[in-house]
Amino acid sequence: MLKIAIILGSTRPNRIGEGVARWVYDIAARRTDARYDLIDLKDQNLPLLDEPAPPSLGNYSQPHTKAWAAKIEQYDGFVFVTAEYNHGIPGALKNAIDYLYKEWNNKAAGIISYGSAYGARSAEALRLVMGELMIADVRQQVLLSLFTDFENYSKFNPDPRNEQSLNALLDQVVAWSTALKPLRERSG
C-alpha cells in the first residue's frame, strides 16, 4: 500500500496551519487508497541546516539528518500544508526540505496553502523547489483564504467545497505516486 506523508510546514507559535493539517489528515484517513501519516515539522528537531556536505551526496553526518532521511525515505508521496510568509514558504519548511535530496526523488506531492491571498505565492514558490528535487507536484491544489476559511483569522472553518478539492488533490497524488513507483524501484 502506498504511504503518503502530510507535512505541516509551519512551526511558529499560535500557527493556524495545525487545524488545516488535521482537517487534511482526517479526510485522508477515511480513504482506502493509501496510508496517510501526519508529520509536524515542529516535532522533527531540525536546526538550521548544519550538514557540511551537500544533500545530493547523501553523506549525512548529523543524527537528526539521518533520522529525518529515514522518515522521508519510507513515503511514496507527500501533501505539503504551507502558510505564505512574505510571498514565500515558511523557513522551517524550506529548511526541512533542504536537508535531503534522494529521499524526495521520484515521488509526487500536492500542495495546500493558506494566507491572505490564499497562499498562492507560497504554493508557486514550493513548486519551484519540487522541480529541483524531482518531485512531481500535481496540478490540483487547495487554496485557503484567511478571510473566508478561518474565523477571526485564526480558527480553521473551511468552506465545504474545499473537501472536494482536497479529495481531487489526494486522487492525483495517489495516481502520480503509483505511476512513479517503477522509477523509485530502479533508483532505490
N, C-alpha and C. Protein backbone atom coordinates (compact mmCIF):
# COMPACT_ATOMS: atom_id res chain seq x y z
N MET A 1 0.84 -1.18 0.00
CA MET A 1 0.00 0.00 0.00
C MET A 1 0.89 1.25 0.00
N LEU A 2 0.49 2.23 -0.76
CA LEU A 2 1.23 3.49 -0.80
C LEU A 2 1.21 4.17 0.56
N LYS A 3 2.29 4.90 0.84
CA LYS A 3 2.37 5.70 2.07
C LYS A 3 2.55 7.16 1.67
N ILE A 4 1.66 7.99 2.16
CA ILE A 4 1.68 9.42 1.85
C ILE A 4 1.84 10.20 3.15
N ALA A 5 2.80 11.10 3.18
CA ALA A 5 3.02 11.95 4.36
C ALA A 5 2.36 13.31 4.14
N ILE A 6 1.62 13.74 5.12
CA ILE A 6 1.05 15.09 5.16
C ILE A 6 2.01 15.89 6.03
N ILE A 7 2.69 16.86 5.45
CA ILE A 7 3.73 17.60 6.15
C ILE A 7 3.25 19.00 6.49
N LEU A 8 3.16 19.27 7.78
CA LEU A 8 2.77 20.59 8.27
C LEU A 8 4.02 21.47 8.30
N GLY A 9 4.04 22.50 7.47
CA GLY A 9 5.24 23.28 7.24
C GLY A 9 5.47 24.49 8.11
N SER A 10 4.58 24.84 9.00
CA SER A 10 4.78 25.99 9.88
C SER A 10 5.06 25.50 11.29
N THR A 11 6.02 26.14 11.94
CA THR A 11 6.38 25.76 13.31
C THR A 11 6.17 26.90 14.30
N ARG A 12 5.68 28.02 13.85
CA ARG A 12 5.61 29.17 14.73
C ARG A 12 4.52 29.03 15.79
N PRO A 13 4.69 29.70 16.92
CA PRO A 13 3.66 29.64 17.97
C PRO A 13 2.33 30.20 17.44
N ASN A 14 1.25 29.66 17.93
CA ASN A 14 -0.10 30.09 17.54
C ASN A 14 -0.39 29.94 16.05
N ARG A 15 0.30 29.03 15.40
CA ARG A 15 0.09 28.80 13.97
C ARG A 15 -1.32 28.29 13.72
N ILE A 16 -1.85 28.65 12.58
CA ILE A 16 -3.19 28.19 12.23
C ILE A 16 -3.15 26.98 11.30
N GLY A 17 -1.97 26.64 10.84
CA GLY A 17 -1.83 25.51 9.95
C GLY A 17 -2.12 24.16 10.60
N GLU A 18 -2.04 24.12 11.92
CA GLU A 18 -2.31 22.85 12.60
C GLU A 18 -3.75 22.39 12.34
N GLY A 19 -4.68 23.32 12.36
CA GLY A 19 -6.08 22.98 12.06
C GLY A 19 -6.25 22.51 10.62
N VAL A 20 -5.53 23.14 9.72
CA VAL A 20 -5.58 22.73 8.31
C VAL A 20 -5.02 21.32 8.15
N ALA A 21 -3.86 21.07 8.72
CA ALA A 21 -3.23 19.76 8.61
C ALA A 21 -4.11 18.66 9.22
N ARG A 22 -4.73 18.95 10.34
CA ARG A 22 -5.62 17.98 10.99
C ARG A 22 -6.82 17.68 10.09
N TRP A 23 -7.38 18.72 9.45
CA TRP A 23 -8.50 18.56 8.52
C TRP A 23 -8.08 17.67 7.35
N VAL A 24 -6.91 17.93 6.79
CA VAL A 24 -6.41 17.11 5.68
C VAL A 24 -6.26 15.66 6.13
N TYR A 25 -5.63 15.47 7.27
CA TYR A 25 -5.41 14.11 7.76
C TYR A 25 -6.75 13.40 8.02
N ASP A 26 -7.69 14.07 8.64
CA ASP A 26 -8.98 13.44 8.95
C ASP A 26 -9.70 12.98 7.69
N ILE A 27 -9.65 13.78 6.65
CA ILE A 27 -10.29 13.39 5.38
C ILE A 27 -9.50 12.27 4.72
N ALA A 28 -8.18 12.40 4.69
CA ALA A 28 -7.34 11.39 4.05
C ALA A 28 -7.46 10.04 4.76
N ALA A 29 -7.56 10.05 6.06
CA ALA A 29 -7.62 8.81 6.84
C ALA A 29 -8.87 7.99 6.55
N ARG A 30 -9.90 8.61 6.00
CA ARG A 30 -11.13 7.89 5.64
C ARG A 30 -10.98 7.14 4.32
N ARG A 31 -9.92 7.43 3.59
CA ARG A 31 -9.70 6.83 2.28
C ARG A 31 -9.01 5.47 2.44
N THR A 32 -9.13 4.64 1.41
CA THR A 32 -8.52 3.31 1.46
C THR A 32 -7.44 3.11 0.40
N ASP A 33 -7.06 4.18 -0.31
CA ASP A 33 -6.11 4.06 -1.41
C ASP A 33 -4.65 4.20 -1.00
N ALA A 34 -4.40 4.59 0.25
CA ALA A 34 -3.04 4.77 0.75
C ALA A 34 -3.10 4.88 2.27
N ARG A 35 -1.93 4.75 2.87
CA ARG A 35 -1.83 5.04 4.30
C ARG A 35 -1.30 6.46 4.43
N TYR A 36 -1.96 7.26 5.23
CA TYR A 36 -1.60 8.66 5.39
C TYR A 36 -1.09 8.90 6.81
N ASP A 37 0.04 9.59 6.91
CA ASP A 37 0.62 9.97 8.20
C ASP A 37 0.77 11.48 8.24
N LEU A 38 0.61 12.04 9.41
CA LEU A 38 0.79 13.48 9.60
C LEU A 38 2.16 13.70 10.24
N ILE A 39 2.98 14.52 9.59
CA ILE A 39 4.30 14.87 10.10
C ILE A 39 4.29 16.36 10.41
N ASP A 40 4.52 16.69 11.66
CA ASP A 40 4.59 18.08 12.11
C ASP A 40 6.06 18.45 12.22
N LEU A 41 6.50 19.41 11.43
CA LEU A 41 7.91 19.80 11.47
C LEU A 41 8.35 20.28 12.85
N LYS A 42 7.41 20.73 13.63
CA LYS A 42 7.72 21.18 14.99
C LYS A 42 8.31 20.05 15.84
N ASP A 43 7.99 18.82 15.49
CA ASP A 43 8.43 17.66 16.26
C ASP A 43 9.69 16.99 15.69
N GLN A 44 10.30 17.57 14.67
CA GLN A 44 11.38 16.88 13.96
C GLN A 44 12.80 17.24 14.39
N ASN A 45 12.98 18.22 15.25
CA ASN A 45 14.31 18.58 15.76
C ASN A 45 15.31 18.84 14.63
N LEU A 46 14.94 19.73 13.72
CA LEU A 46 15.84 20.07 12.62
C LEU A 46 16.32 21.52 12.79
N PRO A 47 17.55 21.68 13.31
CA PRO A 47 18.09 23.04 13.42
C PRO A 47 18.36 23.60 12.03
N LEU A 48 18.74 24.86 11.96
CA LEU A 48 19.10 25.43 10.67
C LEU A 48 20.16 24.52 10.04
N LEU A 49 19.99 24.23 8.78
CA LEU A 49 20.81 23.25 8.06
C LEU A 49 22.26 23.27 8.53
N ASP A 50 22.71 22.14 9.06
CA ASP A 50 24.04 22.06 9.66
C ASP A 50 24.87 20.90 9.12
N GLU A 51 24.55 20.44 7.93
CA GLU A 51 25.32 19.37 7.30
C GLU A 51 26.47 19.99 6.50
N PRO A 52 27.69 19.48 6.65
CA PRO A 52 28.82 20.05 5.94
C PRO A 52 28.84 19.74 4.44
N ALA A 53 28.22 18.65 4.01
CA ALA A 53 28.23 18.26 2.60
C ALA A 53 26.85 18.51 1.99
N PRO A 54 26.80 18.79 0.69
CA PRO A 54 25.50 18.95 0.03
C PRO A 54 24.66 17.68 0.16
N PRO A 55 23.35 17.82 0.32
CA PRO A 55 22.50 16.63 0.49
C PRO A 55 22.49 15.72 -0.73
N SER A 56 22.80 16.24 -1.91
CA SER A 56 22.81 15.39 -3.10
C SER A 56 23.88 14.30 -3.02
N LEU A 57 24.87 14.48 -2.14
CA LEU A 57 25.90 13.45 -1.96
C LEU A 57 25.44 12.32 -1.04
N GLY A 58 24.43 12.59 -0.20
CA GLY A 58 23.90 11.57 0.70
C GLY A 58 24.81 11.21 1.85
N ASN A 59 25.79 12.03 2.13
CA ASN A 59 26.73 11.78 3.23
C ASN A 59 26.28 12.52 4.48
N TYR A 60 25.21 12.07 5.08
CA TYR A 60 24.66 12.76 6.23
C TYR A 60 25.50 12.44 7.47
N SER A 61 25.83 13.47 8.24
CA SER A 61 26.67 13.27 9.41
C SER A 61 25.93 13.48 10.72
N GLN A 62 24.86 14.22 10.70
CA GLN A 62 24.14 14.55 11.94
C GLN A 62 23.05 13.51 12.23
N PRO A 63 22.89 13.12 13.50
CA PRO A 63 21.84 12.15 13.85
C PRO A 63 20.44 12.63 13.45
N HIS A 64 20.17 13.93 13.60
CA HIS A 64 18.83 14.42 13.24
C HIS A 64 18.60 14.33 11.73
N THR A 65 19.64 14.50 10.93
CA THR A 65 19.50 14.36 9.48
C THR A 65 19.25 12.91 9.11
N LYS A 66 19.97 12.00 9.73
CA LYS A 66 19.79 10.58 9.44
C LYS A 66 18.38 10.13 9.82
N ALA A 67 17.87 10.62 10.94
CA ALA A 67 16.50 10.28 11.35
C ALA A 67 15.48 10.86 10.37
N TRP A 68 15.70 12.10 9.95
CA TRP A 68 14.79 12.75 9.00
C TRP A 68 14.82 12.01 7.66
N ALA A 69 16.01 11.63 7.20
CA ALA A 69 16.14 10.90 5.94
C ALA A 69 15.39 9.56 6.01
N ALA A 70 15.54 8.85 7.11
CA ALA A 70 14.85 7.56 7.26
C ALA A 70 13.34 7.75 7.26
N LYS A 71 12.87 8.82 7.87
CA LYS A 71 11.43 9.09 7.90
C LYS A 71 10.90 9.39 6.50
N ILE A 72 11.55 10.29 5.78
CA ILE A 72 11.06 10.70 4.46
C ILE A 72 11.23 9.59 3.41
N GLU A 73 12.28 8.82 3.52
CA GLU A 73 12.55 7.74 2.56
C GLU A 73 11.38 6.77 2.44
N GLN A 74 10.68 6.51 3.52
CA GLN A 74 9.63 5.50 3.52
C GLN A 74 8.35 5.89 2.77
N TYR A 75 8.23 7.17 2.40
CA TYR A 75 6.99 7.64 1.77
C TYR A 75 7.07 7.62 0.26
N ASP A 76 5.90 7.40 -0.35
CA ASP A 76 5.76 7.39 -1.81
C ASP A 76 5.31 8.75 -2.34
N GLY A 77 4.76 9.56 -1.47
CA GLY A 77 4.26 10.87 -1.89
C GLY A 77 4.00 11.74 -0.68
N PHE A 78 3.69 13.00 -0.97
CA PHE A 78 3.55 13.99 0.09
C PHE A 78 2.40 14.94 -0.19
N VAL A 79 1.85 15.47 0.88
CA VAL A 79 0.93 16.60 0.82
C VAL A 79 1.53 17.66 1.73
N PHE A 80 1.92 18.77 1.15
CA PHE A 80 2.51 19.85 1.93
C PHE A 80 1.44 20.85 2.32
N VAL A 81 1.36 21.16 3.60
CA VAL A 81 0.46 22.19 4.11
C VAL A 81 1.34 23.38 4.45
N THR A 82 1.20 24.45 3.68
CA THR A 82 2.11 25.58 3.84
C THR A 82 1.38 26.91 4.00
N ALA A 83 1.90 27.69 4.89
CA ALA A 83 1.47 29.09 5.03
C ALA A 83 2.19 29.90 3.96
N GLU A 84 1.79 31.14 3.82
CA GLU A 84 2.53 32.08 2.98
C GLU A 84 3.13 33.14 3.88
N TYR A 85 4.44 33.20 3.90
CA TYR A 85 5.16 34.23 4.65
C TYR A 85 5.92 35.10 3.65
N ASN A 86 5.56 36.34 3.55
CA ASN A 86 6.27 37.29 2.67
C ASN A 86 6.44 36.75 1.25
N HIS A 87 5.35 36.26 0.69
CA HIS A 87 5.29 35.73 -0.68
C HIS A 87 6.07 34.43 -0.85
N GLY A 88 6.40 33.74 0.24
CA GLY A 88 7.17 32.50 0.13
C GLY A 88 6.72 31.47 1.14
N ILE A 89 7.46 30.36 1.18
CA ILE A 89 7.15 29.29 2.12
C ILE A 89 7.84 29.56 3.45
N PRO A 90 7.32 29.01 4.53
CA PRO A 90 7.97 29.19 5.84
C PRO A 90 9.41 28.67 5.82
N GLY A 91 10.27 29.36 6.52
CA GLY A 91 11.67 28.96 6.60
C GLY A 91 11.85 27.55 7.12
N ALA A 92 11.03 27.15 8.08
CA ALA A 92 11.15 25.79 8.65
C ALA A 92 10.88 24.73 7.59
N LEU A 93 9.92 24.99 6.71
CA LEU A 93 9.62 24.03 5.65
C LEU A 93 10.77 23.97 4.65
N LYS A 94 11.27 25.11 4.23
CA LYS A 94 12.40 25.13 3.29
C LYS A 94 13.61 24.44 3.90
N ASN A 95 13.87 24.71 5.16
CA ASN A 95 14.99 24.07 5.85
C ASN A 95 14.83 22.55 5.87
N ALA A 96 13.65 22.07 6.21
CA ALA A 96 13.40 20.62 6.27
C ALA A 96 13.57 19.98 4.90
N ILE A 97 13.11 20.65 3.88
CA ILE A 97 13.26 20.12 2.52
C ILE A 97 14.74 20.08 2.13
N ASP A 98 15.46 21.15 2.43
CA ASP A 98 16.85 21.28 2.01
C ASP A 98 17.80 20.29 2.67
N TYR A 99 17.42 19.68 3.76
CA TYR A 99 18.26 18.70 4.42
C TYR A 99 18.53 17.47 3.56
N LEU A 100 17.60 17.13 2.68
CA LEU A 100 17.65 15.86 1.96
C LEU A 100 17.63 16.07 0.46
N TYR A 101 17.96 15.01 -0.27
CA TYR A 101 17.84 15.06 -1.72
C TYR A 101 17.20 13.78 -2.26
N LYS A 102 17.95 12.68 -2.28
CA LYS A 102 17.44 11.47 -2.93
C LYS A 102 16.17 10.94 -2.27
N GLU A 103 15.99 11.24 -1.00
CA GLU A 103 14.79 10.76 -0.28
C GLU A 103 13.51 11.39 -0.84
N TRP A 104 13.64 12.51 -1.52
CA TRP A 104 12.48 13.19 -2.13
C TRP A 104 12.25 12.74 -3.58
N ASN A 105 13.27 12.23 -4.25
CA ASN A 105 13.23 11.97 -5.69
C ASN A 105 12.16 10.98 -6.11
N ASN A 106 11.59 11.25 -7.30
CA ASN A 106 10.65 10.36 -7.97
C ASN A 106 9.41 10.05 -7.14
N LYS A 107 8.97 11.06 -6.44
CA LYS A 107 7.74 10.95 -5.65
C LYS A 107 6.80 12.07 -6.08
N ALA A 108 5.57 12.00 -5.66
CA ALA A 108 4.58 13.00 -6.04
C ALA A 108 4.22 13.85 -4.83
N ALA A 109 3.70 15.04 -5.09
CA ALA A 109 3.30 15.93 -4.00
C ALA A 109 2.12 16.79 -4.41
N GLY A 110 1.28 17.05 -3.43
CA GLY A 110 0.19 18.01 -3.56
C GLY A 110 0.46 19.15 -2.59
N ILE A 111 -0.09 20.31 -2.91
CA ILE A 111 0.16 21.49 -2.10
C ILE A 111 -1.16 22.09 -1.63
N ILE A 112 -1.22 22.34 -0.32
CA ILE A 112 -2.35 23.03 0.29
C ILE A 112 -1.76 24.27 0.95
N SER A 113 -2.26 25.42 0.55
CA SER A 113 -1.68 26.66 1.06
C SER A 113 -2.78 27.55 1.63
N TYR A 114 -2.34 28.43 2.53
CA TYR A 114 -3.28 29.38 3.13
C TYR A 114 -2.58 30.70 3.37
N GLY A 115 -3.38 31.76 3.32
CA GLY A 115 -2.87 33.10 3.55
C GLY A 115 -3.88 34.13 3.10
N SER A 116 -3.49 35.39 3.15
CA SER A 116 -4.41 36.46 2.78
C SER A 116 -4.74 36.43 1.29
N ALA A 117 -3.83 35.93 0.49
CA ALA A 117 -4.06 35.75 -0.94
C ALA A 117 -4.09 34.25 -1.25
N TYR A 118 -4.72 33.49 -0.36
CA TYR A 118 -4.88 32.03 -0.49
C TYR A 118 -3.56 31.27 -0.40
N GLY A 119 -2.48 31.92 -0.09
CA GLY A 119 -1.19 31.25 -0.07
C GLY A 119 -0.70 30.88 -1.45
N ALA A 120 -1.27 31.50 -2.48
CA ALA A 120 -0.95 31.13 -3.86
C ALA A 120 0.52 31.34 -4.19
N ARG A 121 1.11 32.39 -3.66
CA ARG A 121 2.52 32.65 -3.98
C ARG A 121 3.44 31.64 -3.30
N SER A 122 3.08 31.20 -2.09
CA SER A 122 3.90 30.17 -1.43
C SER A 122 3.78 28.85 -2.18
N ALA A 123 2.58 28.55 -2.68
CA ALA A 123 2.41 27.32 -3.46
C ALA A 123 3.28 27.36 -4.71
N GLU A 124 3.32 28.50 -5.38
CA GLU A 124 4.15 28.62 -6.58
C GLU A 124 5.63 28.52 -6.23
N ALA A 125 6.05 29.13 -5.13
CA ALA A 125 7.45 29.04 -4.70
C ALA A 125 7.82 27.59 -4.38
N LEU A 126 6.90 26.88 -3.74
CA LEU A 126 7.15 25.48 -3.39
C LEU A 126 7.25 24.62 -4.64
N ARG A 127 6.47 24.93 -5.67
CA ARG A 127 6.54 24.18 -6.92
C ARG A 127 7.94 24.27 -7.55
N LEU A 128 8.58 25.42 -7.45
CA LEU A 128 9.94 25.57 -7.98
C LEU A 128 10.91 24.63 -7.27
N VAL A 129 10.77 24.53 -5.96
CA VAL A 129 11.63 23.65 -5.17
C VAL A 129 11.34 22.19 -5.53
N MET A 130 10.08 21.84 -5.71
CA MET A 130 9.71 20.47 -6.04
C MET A 130 10.39 20.03 -7.34
N GLY A 131 10.41 20.89 -8.33
CA GLY A 131 11.03 20.55 -9.60
C GLY A 131 12.49 20.18 -9.46
N GLU A 132 13.22 20.93 -8.66
CA GLU A 132 14.65 20.66 -8.46
C GLU A 132 14.89 19.33 -7.77
N LEU A 133 13.96 18.92 -6.93
CA LEU A 133 14.12 17.68 -6.17
C LEU A 133 13.51 16.46 -6.88
N MET A 134 13.08 16.64 -8.10
CA MET A 134 12.45 15.57 -8.89
C MET A 134 11.20 15.04 -8.18
N ILE A 135 10.43 15.96 -7.63
CA ILE A 135 9.13 15.64 -7.07
C ILE A 135 8.09 16.14 -8.07
N ALA A 136 7.21 15.26 -8.48
CA ALA A 136 6.15 15.63 -9.42
C ALA A 136 5.00 16.25 -8.63
N ASP A 137 4.90 17.58 -8.69
CA ASP A 137 3.79 18.22 -7.98
C ASP A 137 2.56 18.19 -8.88
N VAL A 138 1.45 17.79 -8.29
CA VAL A 138 0.23 17.62 -9.06
C VAL A 138 -0.45 18.96 -9.32
N ARG A 139 -1.28 18.99 -10.34
CA ARG A 139 -1.94 20.24 -10.74
C ARG A 139 -2.94 20.73 -9.70
N GLN A 140 -3.77 19.81 -9.21
CA GLN A 140 -4.81 20.19 -8.24
C GLN A 140 -4.16 20.75 -6.99
N GLN A 141 -4.71 21.82 -6.48
CA GLN A 141 -4.24 22.37 -5.21
C GLN A 141 -5.43 22.85 -4.42
N VAL A 142 -5.20 23.06 -3.15
CA VAL A 142 -6.24 23.61 -2.28
C VAL A 142 -5.70 24.93 -1.76
N LEU A 143 -6.41 26.00 -2.08
CA LEU A 143 -6.01 27.34 -1.68
C LEU A 143 -7.03 27.85 -0.65
N LEU A 144 -6.54 28.19 0.53
CA LEU A 144 -7.42 28.59 1.62
C LEU A 144 -7.19 30.06 1.98
N SER A 145 -8.27 30.77 2.15
CA SER A 145 -8.20 32.20 2.44
C SER A 145 -8.37 32.48 3.93
N LEU A 146 -7.51 33.35 4.42
CA LEU A 146 -7.66 33.79 5.82
C LEU A 146 -9.01 34.46 6.05
N PHE A 147 -9.58 35.03 4.99
CA PHE A 147 -10.83 35.78 5.12
C PHE A 147 -12.07 34.92 5.09
N THR A 148 -12.04 33.81 4.35
CA THR A 148 -13.26 33.01 4.19
C THR A 148 -13.18 31.61 4.80
N ASP A 149 -11.98 31.13 5.09
CA ASP A 149 -11.84 29.77 5.62
C ASP A 149 -11.39 29.73 7.08
N PHE A 150 -11.26 30.89 7.68
CA PHE A 150 -10.85 31.00 9.09
C PHE A 150 -11.75 32.00 9.79
N GLU A 151 -12.20 31.66 10.98
CA GLU A 151 -12.97 32.60 11.80
C GLU A 151 -11.98 33.49 12.54
N ASN A 152 -12.17 34.79 12.44
CA ASN A 152 -11.29 35.75 13.10
C ASN A 152 -9.82 35.52 12.74
N TYR A 153 -9.58 35.06 11.53
CA TYR A 153 -8.23 34.81 11.01
C TYR A 153 -7.44 33.80 11.83
N SER A 154 -8.12 33.00 12.62
CA SER A 154 -7.37 32.08 13.48
C SER A 154 -7.97 30.67 13.56
N LYS A 155 -9.27 30.52 13.64
CA LYS A 155 -9.88 29.19 13.79
C LYS A 155 -10.29 28.67 12.41
N PHE A 156 -9.72 27.53 12.04
CA PHE A 156 -9.98 26.97 10.72
C PHE A 156 -11.41 26.48 10.62
N ASN A 157 -12.13 26.98 9.64
CA ASN A 157 -13.51 26.59 9.38
C ASN A 157 -13.69 26.63 7.86
N PRO A 158 -13.23 25.56 7.18
CA PRO A 158 -13.19 25.60 5.72
C PRO A 158 -14.56 25.61 5.06
N ASP A 159 -14.61 26.27 3.94
CA ASP A 159 -15.79 26.20 3.08
C ASP A 159 -15.96 24.74 2.70
N PRO A 160 -17.15 24.19 2.78
CA PRO A 160 -17.37 22.76 2.46
C PRO A 160 -16.89 22.35 1.07
N ARG A 161 -16.85 23.30 0.13
CA ARG A 161 -16.39 22.97 -1.23
C ARG A 161 -14.92 22.55 -1.24
N ASN A 162 -14.17 22.95 -0.23
CA ASN A 162 -12.75 22.61 -0.19
C ASN A 162 -12.50 21.11 -0.03
N GLU A 163 -13.46 20.40 0.55
CA GLU A 163 -13.27 18.95 0.71
C GLU A 163 -13.22 18.27 -0.65
N GLN A 164 -14.02 18.72 -1.59
CA GLN A 164 -13.99 18.15 -2.94
C GLN A 164 -12.63 18.41 -3.59
N SER A 165 -12.12 19.62 -3.44
CA SER A 165 -10.79 19.94 -3.99
C SER A 165 -9.71 19.10 -3.33
N LEU A 166 -9.81 18.90 -2.02
CA LEU A 166 -8.83 18.09 -1.31
C LEU A 166 -8.86 16.65 -1.82
N ASN A 167 -10.02 16.08 -1.99
CA ASN A 167 -10.10 14.70 -2.48
C ASN A 167 -9.55 14.58 -3.90
N ALA A 168 -9.77 15.59 -4.74
CA ALA A 168 -9.20 15.58 -6.09
C ALA A 168 -7.68 15.64 -6.01
N LEU A 169 -7.15 16.45 -5.10
CA LEU A 169 -5.70 16.53 -4.89
C LEU A 169 -5.16 15.18 -4.45
N LEU A 170 -5.81 14.55 -3.48
CA LEU A 170 -5.36 13.25 -2.99
C LEU A 170 -5.42 12.19 -4.08
N ASP A 171 -6.48 12.23 -4.92
CA ASP A 171 -6.57 11.31 -6.05
C ASP A 171 -5.34 11.44 -6.96
N GLN A 172 -4.96 12.69 -7.24
CA GLN A 172 -3.81 12.93 -8.13
C GLN A 172 -2.50 12.50 -7.47
N VAL A 173 -2.34 12.78 -6.19
CA VAL A 173 -1.11 12.38 -5.50
C VAL A 173 -0.98 10.86 -5.51
N VAL A 174 -2.05 10.16 -5.26
CA VAL A 174 -2.02 8.69 -5.28
C VAL A 174 -1.72 8.19 -6.69
N ALA A 175 -2.37 8.75 -7.70
CA ALA A 175 -2.15 8.31 -9.08
C ALA A 175 -0.69 8.53 -9.50
N TRP A 176 -0.15 9.70 -9.22
CA TRP A 176 1.22 10.01 -9.60
C TRP A 176 2.22 9.21 -8.76
N SER A 177 1.93 9.02 -7.50
CA SER A 177 2.82 8.20 -6.66
C SER A 177 2.89 6.78 -7.18
N THR A 178 1.78 6.27 -7.64
CA THR A 178 1.72 4.93 -8.22
C THR A 178 2.49 4.90 -9.54
N ALA A 179 2.28 5.90 -10.38
CA ALA A 179 2.95 5.94 -11.68
C ALA A 179 4.46 6.05 -11.54
N LEU A 180 4.94 6.73 -10.51
CA LEU A 180 6.38 6.92 -10.31
C LEU A 180 7.06 5.76 -9.58
N LYS A 181 6.29 4.80 -9.13
CA LYS A 181 6.85 3.69 -8.37
C LYS A 181 7.98 2.96 -9.12
N PRO A 182 7.84 2.66 -10.41
CA PRO A 182 8.96 2.00 -11.11
C PRO A 182 10.26 2.81 -11.09
N LEU A 183 10.17 4.13 -11.15
CA LEU A 183 11.37 4.97 -11.06
C LEU A 183 12.01 4.87 -9.69
N ARG A 184 11.17 4.86 -8.64
CA ARG A 184 11.70 4.73 -7.28
C ARG A 184 12.39 3.39 -7.09
N GLU A 185 11.78 2.34 -7.64
CA GLU A 185 12.36 1.00 -7.51
C GLU A 185 13.68 0.87 -8.25
N ARG A 186 13.78 1.50 -9.42
CA ARG A 186 15.01 1.46 -10.21
C ARG A 186 16.15 2.23 -9.55
N SER A 187 15.80 3.36 -8.93
CA SER A 187 16.85 4.19 -8.34
C SER A 187 17.14 3.81 -6.88
N GLY A 188 16.28 2.97 -6.29
CA GLY A 188 16.41 2.59 -4.89
C GLY A 188 17.55 1.70 -4.64
